Amino acid sequence: MQAFIVVYALFISAYCVPIFDEQLNYQWSLFKRVHKKQYASINEEMIRRNIWEHNLAKIHQHNLEADLGTYSYTLGMNQFGDMRYNRTKKKLSKTIYCDFTYRTT
């Protein structure tokens, strides 16, 4: 029974650790340097790296399909590559409040 618990604990701990593509380490470092990205903790950086890899894969997939004629445009990585769509949308569509008075003469 104890052996089962140890194996189970190892399985759970291995499952919880995100697995990153080692071949993308240089691109990730370059992305952070170019866009001046700094994260509050290693945990946040791991989350952002995971999102970035997912977005990069979507970009590559789209561009392959564009090469085949499915799309007439290509995509590229930008400063929002480490954010999910909803967070990017929220960041870009903040309400701007204007304080002005309309006077009739």
C-alpha atoms as a PDB file:
ATOM      1  CA  MET A   1       0.000   0.000   0.000  1.00  0.00           C
ATOM      2  CA  GLN A   2       2.829   2.402   0.831  1.00  0.00           C
ATOM      3  CA  ALA A   3       4.460   1.713  -2.525  1.00  0.00           C
ATOM      4  CA  PHE A   4       1.206   2.616  -4.246  1.00  0.00           C
ATOM      5  CA  ILE A   5       1.033   5.912  -2.338  1.00  0.00           C
ATOM      6  CA  VAL A   6       4.631   6.767  -3.278  1.00  0.00           C
ATOM      7  CA  VAL A   7       4.038   5.966  -6.956  1.00  0.00           C
ATOM      8  CA  TYR A   8       0.788   7.922  -6.899  1.00  0.00           C
ATOM      9  CA  ALA A   9       2.497  10.943  -5.290  1.00  0.00           C
ATOM     10  CA  LEU A  10       5.262  10.860  -7.906  1.00  0.00           C
ATOM     11  CA  PHE A  11       2.713  10.627 -10.703  1.00  0.00           C
ATOM     12  CA  ILE A  12       0.727  13.588  -9.357  1.00  0.00           C
ATOM     13  CA  SER A  13       3.823  15.743  -8.859  1.00  0.00           C
ATOM     14  CA  ALA A  14       5.062  14.955 -12.372  1.00  0.00           C
ATOM     15  CA  TYR A  15       1.630  15.689 -13.812  1.00  0.00           C
ATOM     16  CA  CYS A  16       1.463  19.112 -12.128  1.00  0.00           C
ATOM     17  CA  VAL A  17       4.800  20.345 -13.477  1.00  0.00           C
ATOM     18  CA  PRO A  18       4.368  21.971 -16.889  1.00  0.00           C
ATOM     19  CA  ILE A  19       6.544  20.521 -19.626  1.00  0.00           C
ATOM     20  CA  PHE A  20       8.072  23.131 -21.880  1.00  0.00           C
ATOM     21  CA  ASP A  21       9.593  22.592 -25.286  1.00  0.00           C
ATOM     22  CA  GLU A  22      13.349  22.864 -24.669  1.00  0.00           C
ATOM     23  CA  GLN A  23      13.884  23.973 -28.273  1.00  0.00           C
ATOM     24  CA  LEU A  24      11.908  27.151 -27.550  1.00  0.00           C
ATOM     25  CA  ASN A  25      14.084  28.347 -24.641  1.00  0.00           C
ATOM     26  CA  TYR A  26      16.031  30.790 -26.818  1.00  0.00           C
ATOM     27  CA  GLN A  27      12.867  32.161 -28.461  1.00  0.00           C
ATOM     28  CA  TRP A  28      11.233  32.578 -25.026  1.00  0.00           C
ATOM     29  CA  SER A  29      14.275  34.489 -23.738  1.00  0.00           C
ATOM     30  CA  LEU A  30      14.264  36.627 -26.870  1.00  0.00           C
ATOM     31  CA  PHE A  31      10.523  37.310 -26.517  1.00  0.00           C
ATOM     32  CA  LYS A  32      11.008  38.465 -22.904  1.00  0.00           C
ATOM     33  CA  ARG A  33      13.991  40.646 -23.821  1.00  0.00           C
ATOM     34  CA  VAL A  34      12.398  42.282 -26.888  1.00  0.00           C
ATOM     35  CA  HIS A  35       9.112  43.040 -25.114  1.00  0.00           C
ATOM     36  CA  LYS A  36      10.755  43.865 -21.749  1.00  0.00           C
ATOM     37  CA  LYS A  37       8.791  41.184 -19.895  1.00  0.00           C
ATOM     38  CA  GLN A  38       9.399  40.613 -16.190  1.00  0.00           C
ATOM     39  CA  TYR A  39       7.229  38.408 -14.039  1.00  0.00           C
ATOM     40  CA  ALA A  40       6.490  38.643 -10.323  1.00  0.00           C
ATOM     41  CA  SER A  41       7.325  34.997  -9.617  1.00  0.00           C
ATOM     42  CA  ILE A  42       8.619  31.844 -11.235  1.00  0.00           C
ATOM     43  CA  ASN A  43       5.085  30.469 -11.051  1.00  0.00           C
ATOM     44  CA  GLU A  44       3.719  33.398 -13.073  1.00  0.00           C
ATOM     45  CA  GLU A  45       6.527  32.997 -15.605  1.00  0.00           C
ATOM     46  CA  MET A  46       5.689  29.303 -16.001  1.00  0.00           C
ATOM     47  CA  ILE A  47       2.026  30.148 -16.600  1.00  0.00           C
ATOM     48  CA  ARG A  48       2.924  32.859 -19.129  1.00  0.00           C
ATOM     49  CA  ARG A  49       5.421  30.561 -20.869  1.00  0.00           C
ATOM     50  CA  ASN A  50       2.724  27.916 -21.220  1.00  0.00           C
ATOM     51  CA  ILE A  51       0.312  30.459 -22.748  1.00  0.00           C
ATOM     52  CA  TRP A  52       3.074  31.775 -25.025  1.00  0.00           C
ATOM     53  CA  GLU A  53       3.903  28.283 -26.309  1.00  0.00           C
ATOM     54  CA  HIS A  54       0.213  27.621 -26.965  1.00  0.00           C
ATOM     55  CA  ASN A  55      -0.146  30.915 -28.864  1.00  0.00           C
ATOM     56  CA  LEU A  56       3.059  30.248 -30.820  1.00  0.00           C
ATOM     57  CA  ALA A  57       1.736  26.839 -31.887  1.00  0.00           C
ATOM     58  CA  LYS A  58      -1.529  28.455 -33.041  1.00  0.00           C
ATOM     59  CA  ILE A  59       0.440  31.045 -35.025  1.00  0.00           C
ATOM     60  CA  HIS A  60       2.555  28.358 -36.717  1.00  0.00           C
ATOM     61  CA  GLN A  61      -0.532  26.278 -37.520  1.00  0.00           C
ATOM     62  CA  HIS A  62      -2.334  29.283 -38.998  1.00  0.00           C
ATOM     63  CA  ASN A  63       0.685  30.273 -41.092  1.00  0.00           C
ATOM     64  CA  LEU A  64       1.043  26.734 -42.452  1.00  0.00           C
ATOM     65  CA  GLU A  65      -2.604  26.829 -43.471  1.00  0.00           C
ATOM     66  CA  ALA A  66      -2.057  30.278 -45.012  1.00  0.00           C
ATOM     67  CA  ASP A  67       0.795  28.813 -47.091  1.00  0.00           C
ATOM     68  CA  LEU A  68      -1.683  26.229 -48.373  1.00  0.00           C
ATOM     69  CA  GLY A  69      -4.111  28.976 -49.374  1.00  0.00           C
ATOM     70  CA  THR A  70      -6.644  28.550 -46.572  1.00  0.00           C
ATOM     71  CA  TYR A  71      -6.058  32.105 -45.367  1.00  0.00           C
ATOM     72  CA  SER A  72      -4.949  35.212 -47.215  1.00  0.00           C
ATOM     73  CA  TYR A  73      -2.946  36.566 -44.264  1.00  0.00           C
ATOM     74  CA  THR A  74      -0.319  35.378 -41.814  1.00  0.00           C
ATOM     75  CA  LEU A  75       0.051  35.900 -38.087  1.00  0.00           C
ATOM     76  CA  GLY A  76       3.063  36.897 -36.014  1.00  0.00           C
ATOM     77  CA  MET A  77       4.085  37.095 -32.380  1.00  0.00           C
ATOM     78  CA  ASN A  78       3.681  40.429 -30.606  1.00  0.00           C
ATOM     79  CA  GLN A  79       3.882  41.831 -27.065  1.00  0.00           C
ATOM     80  CA  PHE A  80       0.610  40.125 -26.117  1.00  0.00           C
ATOM     81  CA  GLY A  81       1.879  36.630 -26.916  1.00  0.00           C
ATOM     82  CA  ASP A  82       2.051  35.622 -23.254  1.00  0.00           C
ATOM     83  CA  MET A  83      -1.590  36.510 -22.590  1.00  0.00           C
ATOM     84  CA  ARG A  84      -4.825  34.700 -23.247  1.00  0.00           C
ATOM     85  CA  TYR A  85      -7.273  36.291 -25.686  1.00  0.00           C
ATOM     86  CA  ASN A  86      -9.676  37.476 -22.977  1.00  0.00           C
ATOM     87  CA  ARG A  87      -6.921  39.205 -21.015  1.00  0.00           C
ATOM     88  CA  THR A  88      -5.566  40.886 -24.148  1.00  0.00           C
ATOM     89  CA  LYS A  89      -9.050  42.022 -25.130  1.00  0.00           C
ATOM     90  CA  LYS A  90      -9.654  43.417 -21.649  1.00  0.00           C
ATOM     91  CA  LYS A  91      -6.299  45.240 -21.673  1.00  0.00           C
ATOM     92  CA  LEU A  92      -6.900  46.798 -25.099  1.00  0.00           C
ATOM     93  CA  SER A  93     -10.521  47.817 -24.574  1.00  0.00           C
ATOM     94  CA  LYS A  94     -10.296  49.779 -21.357  1.00  0.00           C
ATOM     95  CA  THR A  95     -12.906  52.487 -21.127  1.00  0.00           C
ATOM     96  CA  ILE A  96     -11.577  55.985 -21.601  1.00  0.00           C
ATOM     97  CA  TYR A  97     -13.457  58.563 -19.639  1.00  0.00           C
ATOM     98  CA  CYS A  98     -13.689  62.064 -21.037  1.00  0.00           C
ATOM     99  CA  ASP A  99     -14.776  64.960 -18.924  1.00  0.00           C
ATOM    100  CA  PHE A 100     -16.105  67.713 -21.121  1.00  0.00           C
ATOM    101  CA  THR A 101     -19.039  70.036 -21.074  1.00  0.00           C
ATOM    102  CA  TYR A 102     -21.081  71.012 -24.087  1.00  0.00           C
ATOM    103  CA  ARG A 103     -22.254  74.600 -24.012  1.00  0.00           C
ATOM    104  CA  THR A 104     -24.752  76.218 -26.269  1.00  0.00           C
ATOM    105  CA  THR A 105     -24.354  79.891 -26.997  1.00  0.00           C
END
